[in-house]
Amino acid sequence: MVKEIMTAKQVAEYLQMDERTVYKLARSRVVPSMKVMGQWRFKKGLIDEWIEKGCRKNNSRKTK
């Protein structure tokens, strides 16, 4: 079950990437995230939008 607010570990599993990479992306503000009481949290809807935006961006490059 995927929750609306996710931890870095859950995002890593969802995106099928290393958890350290998720932290790196969060710190560099590449992936939408926020810190709550010193811990990174991610809103699933924003992660999905971020993925879609990246897919659209990559697809538009292929057509040029």
Protein backbone atom coordinates (compact mmCIF):
# COMPACT_ATOMS: atom_id res chain seq x y z
CA MET A 1 0.00 0.00 0.00
CA VAL A 2 1.43 3.38 -1.03
CA LYS A 3 0.61 6.21 1.37
CA GLU A 4 0.08 9.87 0.45
CA ILE A 5 3.05 11.03 2.58
CA MET A 6 6.10 8.86 2.10
CA THR A 7 9.50 8.43 3.74
CA ALA A 8 12.74 8.40 1.77
CA LYS A 9 12.79 4.61 2.03
CA GLN A 10 9.27 4.35 0.61
CA VAL A 11 10.14 6.77 -2.23
CA ALA A 12 13.26 4.75 -3.01
CA GLU A 13 11.18 1.58 -3.27
CA TYR A 14 8.51 3.36 -5.31
CA LEU A 15 11.06 4.79 -7.76
CA GLN A 16 13.23 1.65 -7.66
CA MET A 17 16.38 3.52 -6.73
CA ASP A 18 18.83 3.62 -3.87
CA GLU A 19 17.68 5.42 -0.73
CA ARG A 20 20.90 7.47 -0.67
CA THR A 21 20.03 8.80 -4.12
CA VAL A 22 16.62 9.94 -2.86
CA TYR A 23 18.30 11.84 -0.01
CA LYS A 24 20.75 13.42 -2.46
CA LEU A 25 17.90 14.52 -4.76
CA ALA A 26 15.95 15.92 -1.80
CA ARG A 27 18.94 17.88 -0.46
CA SER A 28 19.61 19.36 -3.89
CA ARG A 29 15.89 20.17 -4.31
CA VAL A 30 15.59 18.12 -7.49
CA VAL A 31 12.72 16.02 -6.17
CA PRO A 32 9.76 17.70 -4.39
CA SER A 33 10.23 17.15 -0.66
CA MET A 34 10.06 18.73 2.78
CA LYS A 35 11.66 18.22 6.14
CA VAL A 36 9.41 17.49 9.10
CA MET A 37 11.14 17.43 12.47
CA GLY A 38 14.46 16.85 10.71
CA GLN A 39 13.21 13.97 8.56
CA TRP A 40 12.55 14.06 4.82
CA ARG A 41 8.98 13.49 3.68
CA PHE A 42 7.55 13.28 0.18
CA LYS A 43 4.00 13.75 -1.06
CA LYS A 44 3.16 10.95 -3.47
CA GLY A 45 1.09 13.17 -5.75
CA LEU A 46 4.00 15.59 -6.17
CA ILE A 47 6.40 12.71 -6.86
CA ASP A 48 4.04 11.45 -9.56
CA GLU A 49 3.81 14.95 -11.10
CA TRP A 50 7.62 15.24 -11.01
CA ILE A 51 7.93 11.93 -12.87
CA GLU A 52 5.33 12.96 -15.47
CA LYS A 53 7.03 16.32 -15.99
CA GLY A 54 10.35 14.55 -16.56
CA CYS A 55 8.76 12.10 -18.99
CA ARG A 56 7.15 14.91 -20.99
CA LYS A 57 10.43 16.83 -21.02
CA ASN A 58 12.36 13.79 -22.29
CA ASN A 59 9.74 12.97 -24.93
CA SER A 60 9.75 16.53 -26.28
CA ARG A 61 13.54 16.31 -26.71
CA LYS A 62 13.18 13.16 -28.82
CA THR A 63 10.80 14.84 -31.26
CA LYS A 64 13.11 17.79 -31.96
